[in-house]
Amino acid sequence: MTREEVLQEFREAGALLEGHFILSSGLRSPVFLQKAKVFAEPERTERLCKALAEKLKAELTEEPTVIVSPAVGGLIPGYETARHMGLKALYVEREGGEFTLRRGFELSSDDKVLVVEDIVSTGLSSRECIEAINATGATVIAEGCLVDRSAGEADVGVPLISLTQYKVPAYEPDNLPPELEAIPAIKPGSRGLK
């Protein structure tokens, strides 16, 4: 699947938004990928995750034994990618502000984990997820994501394989271009919402 085909899936789902957005990192951007609108459509989600699974199979140097995703954003793409790879899909969720395995999920030191995320921007959630997995004694071999908004700049600590890269400008709140300053900011994501 090409970059344009991936972005077209987002456009058709009404998920490629333009305006002034507050990202989960606190940075501001003129573009937001509202992946929840994509994931509301099972056939669209399947096309994207099947393409990601095929790319992961082609590029991974080790065979994963399990996929782990961070909740909430990574749940659907993690599950759907795992389905196409014939793997179990687990997830970590926040408890006391930290990612942890719950709900009876377990990993062993023999597990080779593939982390699957929806969208990577700064890599913060990815690094926190990987840290929680490493604490179990399992080994994270790589991370896959649908869209890498950093275009390869985010360091998640393991190889990052994205279905596509889509570099979108992001600005510090006190260093906005005039066109963003003129538009009220909205926070469409979920991190930090009360």
N, C-alpha and C. Protein backbone atom coordinates (compact mmCIF):
# COMPACT_ATOMS: atom_id res chain seq x y z
N MET A 1 0.85 -1.17 0.00
CA MET A 1 0.00 0.00 0.00
C MET A 1 0.89 1.23 0.00
N THR A 2 0.66 2.13 -0.93
CA THR A 2 1.47 3.34 -1.03
C THR A 2 1.05 4.38 0.02
N ARG A 3 1.90 5.37 0.20
CA ARG A 3 1.61 6.47 1.13
C ARG A 3 0.28 7.13 0.75
N GLU A 4 0.11 7.40 -0.54
CA GLU A 4 -1.12 8.06 -0.98
C GLU A 4 -2.34 7.18 -0.73
N GLU A 5 -2.21 5.87 -0.90
CA GLU A 5 -3.34 4.96 -0.64
C GLU A 5 -3.70 4.96 0.85
N VAL A 6 -2.70 4.99 1.71
CA VAL A 6 -2.96 5.04 3.16
C VAL A 6 -3.66 6.35 3.50
N LEU A 7 -3.14 7.46 3.02
CA LEU A 7 -3.75 8.76 3.32
C LEU A 7 -5.15 8.86 2.73
N GLN A 8 -5.38 8.22 1.58
CA GLN A 8 -6.71 8.23 0.99
C GLN A 8 -7.71 7.49 1.88
N GLU A 9 -7.26 6.42 2.53
CA GLU A 9 -8.14 5.71 3.47
C GLU A 9 -8.56 6.66 4.60
N PHE A 10 -7.61 7.46 5.10
CA PHE A 10 -7.93 8.44 6.15
C PHE A 10 -8.87 9.52 5.62
N ARG A 11 -8.58 10.02 4.41
CA ARG A 11 -9.46 11.06 3.83
C ARG A 11 -10.88 10.55 3.67
N GLU A 12 -11.03 9.36 3.11
CA GLU A 12 -12.36 8.81 2.85
C GLU A 12 -13.14 8.55 4.14
N ALA A 13 -12.42 8.30 5.22
CA ALA A 13 -13.08 8.09 6.51
C ALA A 13 -13.36 9.42 7.22
N GLY A 14 -12.95 10.53 6.61
CA GLY A 14 -13.11 11.83 7.27
C GLY A 14 -12.16 11.99 8.43
N ALA A 15 -11.01 11.33 8.36
CA ALA A 15 -10.07 11.27 9.47
C ALA A 15 -8.80 12.09 9.28
N LEU A 16 -8.66 12.74 8.13
CA LEU A 16 -7.52 13.62 7.91
C LEU A 16 -8.03 15.05 8.07
N LEU A 17 -7.82 15.59 9.27
CA LEU A 17 -8.41 16.87 9.66
C LEU A 17 -7.40 18.00 9.53
N GLU A 18 -7.89 19.17 9.15
CA GLU A 18 -7.04 20.35 9.06
C GLU A 18 -7.60 21.44 9.97
N GLY A 19 -6.70 22.16 10.64
CA GLY A 19 -7.10 23.21 11.58
C GLY A 19 -5.93 23.53 12.51
N HIS A 20 -6.20 23.66 13.80
CA HIS A 20 -5.18 23.93 14.81
C HIS A 20 -5.41 22.93 15.94
N PHE A 21 -4.51 21.96 16.05
CA PHE A 21 -4.72 20.84 16.97
C PHE A 21 -3.63 20.77 18.02
N ILE A 22 -4.04 20.42 19.23
CA ILE A 22 -3.10 20.16 20.32
C ILE A 22 -2.86 18.65 20.33
N LEU A 23 -1.63 18.25 20.05
CA LEU A 23 -1.28 16.83 20.02
C LEU A 23 -1.06 16.31 21.44
N SER A 24 -1.03 14.99 21.58
CA SER A 24 -0.85 14.40 22.91
C SER A 24 0.49 14.81 23.53
N SER A 25 1.46 15.14 22.70
CA SER A 25 2.77 15.59 23.19
C SER A 25 2.72 17.02 23.72
N GLY A 26 1.63 17.75 23.43
CA GLY A 26 1.52 19.14 23.80
C GLY A 26 1.89 20.07 22.64
N LEU A 27 2.52 19.52 21.61
CA LEU A 27 2.86 20.31 20.43
C LEU A 27 1.58 20.65 19.67
N ARG A 28 1.67 21.64 18.78
CA ARG A 28 0.54 22.07 17.97
C ARG A 28 0.79 21.70 16.51
N SER A 29 -0.28 21.37 15.79
CA SER A 29 -0.14 20.96 14.40
C SER A 29 -1.33 21.43 13.58
N PRO A 30 -1.12 21.71 12.28
CA PRO A 30 -2.23 22.07 11.41
C PRO A 30 -2.98 20.85 10.86
N VAL A 31 -2.48 19.66 11.15
CA VAL A 31 -3.10 18.42 10.65
C VAL A 31 -3.24 17.44 11.79
N PHE A 32 -4.38 16.75 11.84
CA PHE A 32 -4.59 15.70 12.84
C PHE A 32 -5.17 14.49 12.14
N LEU A 33 -4.64 13.33 12.46
CA LEU A 33 -5.16 12.07 11.93
C LEU A 33 -6.08 11.47 12.99
N GLN A 34 -7.39 11.57 12.80
CA GLN A 34 -8.37 11.07 13.76
C GLN A 34 -8.63 9.59 13.46
N LYS A 35 -7.69 8.76 13.89
CA LYS A 35 -7.72 7.33 13.54
C LYS A 35 -8.97 6.63 14.03
N ALA A 36 -9.63 7.14 15.04
CA ALA A 36 -10.86 6.51 15.53
C ALA A 36 -11.91 6.42 14.43
N LYS A 37 -11.92 7.42 13.54
CA LYS A 37 -12.87 7.38 12.43
C LYS A 37 -12.52 6.27 11.44
N VAL A 38 -11.24 6.00 11.28
CA VAL A 38 -10.80 4.89 10.42
C VAL A 38 -11.20 3.57 11.07
N PHE A 39 -10.91 3.44 12.37
CA PHE A 39 -11.16 2.19 13.08
C PHE A 39 -12.64 1.91 13.28
N ALA A 40 -13.50 2.88 13.04
CA ALA A 40 -14.95 2.66 13.11
C ALA A 40 -15.45 1.87 11.90
N GLU A 41 -14.59 1.74 10.89
CA GLU A 41 -14.96 1.03 9.67
C GLU A 41 -14.12 -0.25 9.55
N PRO A 42 -14.70 -1.40 9.88
CA PRO A 42 -13.94 -2.65 9.88
C PRO A 42 -13.24 -2.99 8.56
N GLU A 43 -13.90 -2.78 7.44
CA GLU A 43 -13.27 -3.14 6.16
C GLU A 43 -12.06 -2.25 5.87
N ARG A 44 -12.17 -0.98 6.18
CA ARG A 44 -11.05 -0.05 5.98
C ARG A 44 -9.89 -0.42 6.92
N THR A 45 -10.23 -0.69 8.16
CA THR A 45 -9.22 -1.08 9.15
C THR A 45 -8.53 -2.37 8.71
N GLU A 46 -9.30 -3.32 8.22
CA GLU A 46 -8.71 -4.58 7.76
C GLU A 46 -7.72 -4.34 6.62
N ARG A 47 -8.08 -3.50 5.66
CA ARG A 47 -7.16 -3.23 4.53
C ARG A 47 -5.84 -2.66 5.03
N LEU A 48 -5.93 -1.68 5.92
CA LEU A 48 -4.71 -1.06 6.43
C LEU A 48 -3.87 -2.03 7.24
N CYS A 49 -4.50 -2.77 8.14
CA CYS A 49 -3.75 -3.67 9.02
C CYS A 49 -3.22 -4.90 8.28
N LYS A 50 -3.93 -5.35 7.26
CA LYS A 50 -3.42 -6.45 6.44
C LYS A 50 -2.16 -5.99 5.70
N ALA A 51 -2.19 -4.76 5.17
CA ALA A 51 -1.01 -4.22 4.49
C ALA A 51 0.15 -4.06 5.47
N LEU A 52 -0.15 -3.61 6.70
CA LEU A 52 0.90 -3.50 7.71
C LEU A 52 1.47 -4.87 8.04
N ALA A 53 0.62 -5.87 8.22
CA ALA A 53 1.07 -7.23 8.53
C ALA A 53 1.99 -7.75 7.42
N GLU A 54 1.62 -7.52 6.18
CA GLU A 54 2.45 -7.98 5.06
C GLU A 54 3.80 -7.29 5.06
N LYS A 55 3.81 -6.00 5.35
CA LYS A 55 5.08 -5.26 5.40
C LYS A 55 5.95 -5.76 6.56
N LEU A 56 5.33 -5.98 7.71
CA LEU A 56 6.08 -6.49 8.86
C LEU A 56 6.68 -7.86 8.56
N LYS A 57 5.90 -8.74 7.98
CA LYS A 57 6.40 -10.08 7.64
C LYS A 57 7.60 -9.98 6.71
N ALA A 58 7.56 -9.04 5.78
CA ALA A 58 8.64 -8.89 4.80
C ALA A 58 9.90 -8.26 5.41
N GLU A 59 9.74 -7.40 6.42
CA GLU A 59 10.88 -6.64 6.92
C GLU A 59 11.45 -7.10 8.26
N LEU A 60 10.68 -7.84 9.05
CA LEU A 60 11.19 -8.28 10.35
C LEU A 60 12.33 -9.27 10.16
N THR A 61 13.34 -9.15 11.00
CA THR A 61 14.48 -10.07 10.94
C THR A 61 14.31 -11.24 11.90
N GLU A 62 13.36 -11.12 12.84
CA GLU A 62 13.04 -12.20 13.77
C GLU A 62 11.54 -12.44 13.74
N GLU A 63 11.14 -13.66 14.03
CA GLU A 63 9.71 -14.01 14.10
C GLU A 63 9.15 -13.63 15.46
N PRO A 64 8.13 -12.79 15.50
CA PRO A 64 7.51 -12.48 16.79
C PRO A 64 6.66 -13.64 17.27
N THR A 65 6.48 -13.72 18.58
CA THR A 65 5.61 -14.75 19.16
C THR A 65 4.30 -14.15 19.62
N VAL A 66 4.25 -12.82 19.77
CA VAL A 66 3.05 -12.15 20.28
C VAL A 66 3.11 -10.67 19.90
N ILE A 67 1.94 -10.08 19.75
CA ILE A 67 1.84 -8.64 19.54
C ILE A 67 1.29 -8.01 20.81
N VAL A 68 1.91 -6.90 21.22
CA VAL A 68 1.42 -6.14 22.37
C VAL A 68 1.24 -4.69 21.90
N SER A 69 0.11 -4.11 22.27
CA SER A 69 -0.19 -2.73 21.89
C SER A 69 -0.52 -1.91 23.13
N PRO A 70 -0.29 -0.61 23.05
CA PRO A 70 -0.72 0.25 24.15
C PRO A 70 -2.20 0.60 24.01
N ALA A 71 -2.92 0.53 25.10
CA ALA A 71 -4.33 0.94 25.10
C ALA A 71 -4.36 2.46 25.21
N VAL A 72 -5.23 3.11 24.61
CA VAL A 72 -6.40 2.63 23.92
C VAL A 72 -6.13 2.62 22.41
N GLY A 73 -5.34 3.57 21.94
CA GLY A 73 -5.16 3.75 20.50
C GLY A 73 -4.64 2.55 19.74
N GLY A 74 -3.82 1.73 20.38
CA GLY A 74 -3.23 0.60 19.68
C GLY A 74 -4.06 -0.67 19.70
N LEU A 75 -5.16 -0.69 20.46
CA LEU A 75 -5.94 -1.92 20.60
C LEU A 75 -6.43 -2.48 19.27
N ILE A 76 -7.11 -1.67 18.49
CA ILE A 76 -7.71 -2.17 17.24
C ILE A 76 -6.64 -2.53 16.21
N PRO A 77 -5.68 -1.65 15.90
CA PRO A 77 -4.67 -2.06 14.92
C PRO A 77 -3.81 -3.21 15.42
N GLY A 78 -3.57 -3.29 16.72
CA GLY A 78 -2.80 -4.42 17.26
C GLY A 78 -3.52 -5.73 17.05
N TYR A 79 -4.80 -5.75 17.38
CA TYR A 79 -5.62 -6.96 17.22
C TYR A 79 -5.70 -7.36 15.75
N GLU A 80 -6.03 -6.40 14.90
CA GLU A 80 -6.24 -6.72 13.48
C GLU A 80 -4.93 -7.14 12.81
N THR A 81 -3.83 -6.53 13.16
CA THR A 81 -2.53 -6.93 12.60
C THR A 81 -2.16 -8.32 13.10
N ALA A 82 -2.41 -8.59 14.38
CA ALA A 82 -2.14 -9.92 14.94
C ALA A 82 -2.97 -10.99 14.22
N ARG A 83 -4.22 -10.66 13.91
CA ARG A 83 -5.08 -11.61 13.20
C ARG A 83 -4.47 -11.98 11.85
N HIS A 84 -3.93 -11.01 11.15
CA HIS A 84 -3.34 -11.27 9.83
C HIS A 84 -1.97 -11.94 9.93
N MET A 85 -1.36 -11.89 11.10
CA MET A 85 -0.05 -12.55 11.27
C MET A 85 -0.18 -13.87 12.01
N GLY A 86 -1.39 -14.22 12.44
CA GLY A 86 -1.58 -15.48 13.16
C GLY A 86 -0.98 -15.47 14.55
N LEU A 87 -1.00 -14.30 15.20
CA LEU A 87 -0.40 -14.16 16.52
C LEU A 87 -1.45 -13.78 17.56
N LYS A 88 -1.11 -13.98 18.81
CA LYS A 88 -1.94 -13.52 19.92
C LYS A 88 -1.78 -12.01 20.06
N ALA A 89 -2.86 -11.32 20.43
CA ALA A 89 -2.84 -9.87 20.61
C ALA A 89 -3.11 -9.52 22.07
N LEU A 90 -2.11 -8.97 22.74
CA LEU A 90 -2.25 -8.50 24.12
C LEU A 90 -2.13 -6.98 24.12
N TYR A 91 -2.40 -6.38 25.27
CA TYR A 91 -2.19 -4.94 25.37
C TYR A 91 -1.80 -4.56 26.78
N VAL A 92 -1.12 -3.43 26.85
CA VAL A 92 -0.81 -2.82 28.14
C VAL A 92 -1.75 -1.64 28.30
N GLU A 93 -2.07 -1.33 29.55
CA GLU A 93 -2.93 -0.18 29.83
C GLU A 93 -2.38 0.55 31.04
N ARG A 94 -2.79 1.78 31.16
CA ARG A 94 -2.25 2.59 32.25
C ARG A 94 -2.93 2.24 33.57
N GLU A 95 -2.10 2.12 34.58
CA GLU A 95 -2.55 1.92 35.96
C GLU A 95 -1.65 2.79 36.81
N GLY A 96 -2.23 3.78 37.46
CA GLY A 96 -1.42 4.72 38.22
C GLY A 96 -0.49 5.52 37.33
N GLY A 97 -0.90 5.76 36.09
CA GLY A 97 -0.11 6.56 35.15
C GLY A 97 0.96 5.79 34.40
N GLU A 98 1.13 4.49 34.72
CA GLU A 98 2.17 3.69 34.08
C GLU A 98 1.54 2.55 33.28
N PHE A 99 2.13 2.22 32.13
CA PHE A 99 1.66 1.07 31.37
C PHE A 99 2.01 -0.22 32.11
N THR A 100 1.07 -1.16 32.09
CA THR A 100 1.30 -2.47 32.70
C THR A 100 0.39 -3.49 32.03
N LEU A 101 0.81 -4.75 32.09
CA LEU A 101 -0.06 -5.85 31.65
C LEU A 101 -1.06 -6.11 32.76
N ARG A 102 -2.32 -6.25 32.39
CA ARG A 102 -3.37 -6.55 33.36
C ARG A 102 -4.24 -7.66 32.78
N ARG A 103 -5.37 -7.89 33.38
CA ARG A 103 -6.41 -8.80 32.88
C ARG A 103 -5.92 -10.23 32.66
N GLY A 104 -4.92 -10.62 33.42
CA GLY A 104 -4.39 -11.98 33.31
C GLY A 104 -3.41 -12.18 32.16
N PHE A 105 -3.07 -11.11 31.45
CA PHE A 105 -2.08 -11.22 30.37
C PHE A 105 -0.71 -11.48 30.98
N GLU A 106 0.04 -12.36 30.33
CA GLU A 106 1.40 -12.66 30.79
C GLU A 106 2.34 -12.80 29.61
N LEU A 107 3.58 -12.43 29.83
CA LEU A 107 4.65 -12.63 28.87
C LEU A 107 5.76 -13.38 29.59
N SER A 108 6.50 -14.17 28.83
CA SER A 108 7.63 -14.90 29.42
C SER A 108 8.93 -14.41 28.80
N SER A 109 10.04 -14.83 29.37
CA SER A 109 11.34 -14.43 28.85
C SER A 109 11.59 -15.03 27.46
N ASP A 110 10.80 -16.02 27.06
CA ASP A 110 10.93 -16.61 25.73
C ASP A 110 10.18 -15.81 24.66
N ASP A 111 9.30 -14.90 25.07
CA ASP A 111 8.50 -14.16 24.10
C ASP A 111 9.32 -13.12 23.36
N LYS A 112 9.09 -13.10 22.05
CA LYS A 112 9.66 -12.07 21.17
C LYS A 112 8.47 -11.20 20.74
N VAL A 113 8.43 -10.01 21.30
CA VAL A 113 7.25 -9.15 21.18
C VAL A 113 7.40 -8.16 20.03
N LEU A 114 6.32 -8.06 19.27
CA LEU A 114 6.18 -7.02 18.27
C LEU A 114 5.15 -6.03 18.82
N VAL A 115 5.55 -4.80 19.04
CA VAL A 115 4.62 -3.76 19.48
C VAL A 115 3.94 -3.21 18.25
N VAL A 116 2.62 -3.06 18.30
CA VAL A 116 1.89 -2.44 17.19
C VAL A 116 1.10 -1.26 17.73
N GLU A 117 1.32 -0.12 17.11
CA GLU A 117 0.70 1.17 17.46
C GLU A 117 -0.14 1.65 16.29
N ASP A 118 -0.93 2.65 16.52
CA ASP A 118 -1.70 3.28 15.46
C ASP A 118 -0.82 4.31 14.74
N ILE A 119 -0.50 5.39 15.45
CA ILE A 119 0.28 6.48 14.88
C ILE A 119 1.40 6.83 15.85
N VAL A 120 2.61 6.99 15.32
CA VAL A 120 3.75 7.41 16.13
C VAL A 120 4.08 8.84 15.75
N SER A 121 4.15 9.71 16.77
CA SER A 121 4.54 11.10 16.54
C SER A 121 5.89 11.36 17.18
N THR A 122 5.94 11.38 18.51
CA THR A 122 7.21 11.59 19.21
C THR A 122 7.81 10.26 19.69
N GLY A 123 6.98 9.21 19.77
CA GLY A 123 7.43 7.92 20.26
C GLY A 123 7.28 7.74 21.75
N LEU A 124 6.71 8.71 22.46
CA LEU A 124 6.60 8.63 23.91
C LEU A 124 5.78 7.41 24.36
N SER A 125 4.59 7.24 23.84
CA SER A 125 3.76 6.09 24.23
C SER A 125 4.46 4.77 23.88
N SER A 126 5.11 4.76 22.74
CA SER A 126 5.83 3.55 22.33
C SER A 126 6.93 3.19 23.32
N ARG A 127 7.72 4.19 23.71
CA ARG A 127 8.81 3.93 24.66
C ARG A 127 8.26 3.46 26.01
N GLU A 128 7.17 4.06 26.46
CA GLU A 128 6.56 3.64 27.72
C GLU A 128 6.02 2.21 27.62
N CYS A 129 5.42 1.87 26.50
CA CYS A 129 4.91 0.52 26.28
C CYS A 129 6.07 -0.49 26.28
N ILE A 130 7.12 -0.16 25.56
CA ILE A 130 8.29 -1.05 25.47
C ILE A 130 8.93 -1.24 26.84
N GLU A 131 9.01 -0.18 27.61
CA GLU A 131 9.56 -0.27 28.97
C GLU A 131 8.75 -1.25 29.83
N ALA A 132 7.42 -1.17 29.73
CA ALA A 132 6.56 -2.08 30.50
C ALA A 132 6.75 -3.53 30.06
N ILE A 133 6.92 -3.74 28.77
CA ILE A 133 7.14 -5.10 28.26
C ILE A 133 8.49 -5.62 28.72
N ASN A 134 9.52 -4.79 28.61
CA ASN A 134 10.86 -5.20 29.05
C ASN A 134 10.87 -5.59 30.52
N ALA A 135 10.04 -4.94 31.33
CA ALA A 135 9.98 -5.24 32.76
C ALA A 135 9.48 -6.66 33.03
N THR A 136 8.80 -7.28 32.05
CA THR A 136 8.31 -8.65 32.21
C THR A 136 9.39 -9.69 31.91
N GLY A 137 10.49 -9.25 31.30
CA GLY A 137 11.55 -10.17 30.89
C GLY A 137 11.44 -10.59 29.44
N ALA A 138 10.34 -10.23 28.76
CA ALA A 138 10.20 -10.52 27.33
C ALA A 138 11.10 -9.57 26.53
N THR A 139 11.32 -9.90 25.27
CA THR A 139 12.16 -9.09 24.40
C THR A 139 11.32 -8.44 23.32
N VAL A 140 11.39 -7.13 23.21
CA VAL A 140 10.72 -6.42 22.12
C VAL A 140 11.67 -6.40 20.93
N ILE A 141 11.23 -6.99 19.81
CA ILE A 141 12.10 -7.08 18.63
C ILE A 141 11.90 -5.93 17.66
N ALA A 142 10.72 -5.31 17.66
CA ALA A 142 10.45 -4.20 16.74
C ALA A 142 9.09 -3.60 17.08
N GLU A 143 8.80 -2.49 16.42
CA GLU A 143 7.48 -1.89 16.53
C GLU A 143 6.96 -1.62 15.13
N GLY A 144 5.67 -1.86 14.94
CA GLY A 144 5.01 -1.53 13.70
C GLY A 144 3.94 -0.50 13.97
N CYS A 145 3.69 0.38 13.01
CA CYS A 145 2.61 1.36 13.14
C CYS A 145 2.03 1.64 11.77
N LEU A 146 0.81 2.13 11.77
CA LEU A 146 0.18 2.49 10.51
C LEU A 146 0.81 3.73 9.91
N VAL A 147 1.00 4.78 10.73
CA VAL A 147 1.56 6.04 10.24
C VAL A 147 2.64 6.52 11.20
N ASP A 148 3.79 6.83 10.63
CA ASP A 148 4.88 7.45 11.38
C ASP A 148 4.88 8.93 11.03
N ARG A 149 4.30 9.73 11.93
CA ARG A 149 4.22 11.19 11.70
C ARG A 149 5.59 11.86 11.82
N SER A 150 6.56 11.16 12.37
CA SER A 150 7.88 11.77 12.53
C SER A 150 8.75 11.57 11.29
N ALA A 151 8.31 10.75 10.35
CA ALA A 151 9.09 10.43 9.14
C ALA A 151 10.46 9.87 9.51
N GLY A 152 10.48 8.97 10.49
CA GLY A 152 11.71 8.29 10.86
C GLY A 152 12.52 8.98 11.94
N GLU A 153 12.06 10.12 12.44
CA GLU A 153 12.81 10.85 13.46
C GLU A 153 12.56 10.34 14.87
N ALA A 154 11.41 9.76 15.14
CA ALA A 154 11.10 9.28 16.49
C ALA A 154 11.96 8.07 16.82
N ASP A 155 12.56 8.10 17.99
CA ASP A 155 13.36 6.97 18.47
C ASP A 155 12.53 6.21 19.50
N VAL A 156 12.07 5.02 19.13
CA VAL A 156 11.27 4.22 20.06
C VAL A 156 12.12 3.17 20.78
N GLY A 157 13.40 3.10 20.43
CA GLY A 157 14.31 2.18 21.11
C GLY A 157 14.47 0.83 20.43
N VAL A 158 13.64 0.55 19.43
CA VAL A 158 13.72 -0.67 18.63
C VAL A 158 13.44 -0.26 17.18
N PRO A 159 13.71 -1.15 16.21
CA PRO A 159 13.37 -0.79 14.83
C PRO A 159 11.88 -0.47 14.69
N LEU A 160 11.58 0.62 13.98
CA LEU A 160 10.21 1.06 13.74
C LEU A 160 9.87 0.85 12.27
N ILE A 161 8.85 0.05 12.03
CA ILE A 161 8.40 -0.25 10.67
C ILE A 161 7.00 0.33 10.52
N SER A 162 6.86 1.30 9.64
CA SER A 162 5.55 1.93 9.46
C SER A 162 4.98 1.58 8.10
N LEU A 163 3.65 1.53 8.04
CA LEU A 163 2.99 1.32 6.76
C LEU A 163 3.29 2.52 5.87
N THR A 164 3.29 3.72 6.46
CA THR A 164 3.70 4.90 5.72
C THR A 164 4.23 5.95 6.68
N GLN A 165 4.98 6.88 6.12
CA GLN A 165 5.44 8.04 6.86
C GLN A 165 4.69 9.26 6.34
N TYR A 166 4.32 10.15 7.24
CA TYR A 166 3.59 11.36 6.86
C TYR A 166 4.05 12.47 7.78
N LYS A 167 5.06 13.20 7.34
CA LYS A 167 5.64 14.27 8.15
C LYS A 167 4.71 15.47 8.14
N VAL A 168 4.24 15.82 9.30
CA VAL A 168 3.36 16.96 9.47
C VAL A 168 4.07 17.91 10.43
N PRO A 169 4.07 19.20 10.12
CA PRO A 169 4.75 20.12 11.05
C PRO A 169 4.09 20.13 12.42
N ALA A 170 4.91 20.28 13.43
CA ALA A 170 4.43 20.39 14.80
C ALA A 170 5.25 21.52 15.46
N TYR A 171 4.57 22.32 16.24
CA TYR A 171 5.18 23.51 16.81
C TYR A 171 4.99 23.56 18.32
N GLU A 172 5.95 24.18 18.99
CA GLU A 172 5.78 24.49 20.40
C GLU A 172 4.65 25.51 20.52
N PRO A 173 3.85 25.44 21.58
CA PRO A 173 2.71 26.37 21.72
C PRO A 173 3.10 27.85 21.73
N ASP A 174 4.32 28.15 22.16
CA ASP A 174 4.75 29.55 22.21
C ASP A 174 5.54 29.98 20.97
N ASN A 175 5.52 29.12 19.93
CA ASN A 175 6.26 29.42 18.70
C ASN A 175 5.43 29.02 17.47
N LEU A 176 4.19 29.51 17.43
CA LEU A 176 3.27 29.13 16.36
C LEU A 176 3.41 30.05 15.15
N PRO A 177 3.23 29.50 13.95
CA PRO A 177 3.17 30.37 12.78
C PRO A 177 1.88 31.20 12.83
N PRO A 178 1.85 32.34 12.18
CA PRO A 178 0.68 33.23 12.24
C PRO A 178 -0.64 32.55 11.85
N GLU A 179 -0.59 31.68 10.85
CA GLU A 179 -1.83 31.02 10.41
C GLU A 179 -2.43 30.13 11.49
N LEU A 180 -1.61 29.52 12.36
CA LEU A 180 -2.13 28.72 13.46
C LEU A 180 -2.58 29.62 14.62
N GLU A 181 -1.85 30.68 14.87
CA GLU A 181 -2.23 31.61 15.95
C GLU A 181 -3.63 32.17 15.71
N ALA A 182 -4.03 32.29 14.45
CA ALA A 182 -5.31 32.90 14.10
C ALA A 182 -6.49 31.95 14.27
N ILE A 183 -6.21 30.66 14.56
CA ILE A 183 -7.27 29.66 14.67
C ILE A 183 -7.31 29.14 16.11
N PRO A 184 -8.49 29.01 16.72
CA PRO A 184 -8.57 28.42 18.06
C PRO A 184 -8.06 26.97 18.04
N ALA A 185 -7.32 26.61 19.07
CA ALA A 185 -6.77 25.26 19.17
C ALA A 185 -7.81 24.31 19.78
N ILE A 186 -7.84 23.08 19.25
CA ILE A 186 -8.69 22.04 19.83
C ILE A 186 -7.84 20.81 20.11
N LYS A 187 -8.26 20.02 21.08
CA LYS A 187 -7.55 18.81 21.46
C LYS A 187 -8.43 17.61 21.12
N PRO A 188 -8.22 17.02 19.92
CA PRO A 188 -9.06 15.91 19.51
C PRO A 188 -8.62 14.55 20.06
N GLY A 189 -7.42 14.45 20.60
CA GLY A 189 -6.93 13.17 21.12
C GLY A 189 -7.43 12.89 22.51
N SER A 190 -6.87 11.88 23.15
CA SER A 190 -7.38 11.46 24.45
C SER A 190 -6.38 11.62 25.60
N ARG A 191 -5.10 11.68 25.32
CA ARG A 191 -4.13 11.73 26.40
C ARG A 191 -4.27 13.01 27.20
N GLY A 192 -4.35 12.86 28.48
CA GLY A 192 -4.43 14.01 29.37
C GLY A 192 -5.82 14.59 29.54
N LEU A 193 -6.81 14.01 28.87
CA LEU A 193 -8.17 14.52 29.05
C LEU A 193 -8.69 14.05 30.39
N LYS A 194 -9.50 14.86 31.01
CA LYS A 194 -10.05 14.50 32.32
C LYS A 194 -11.48 14.05 32.16
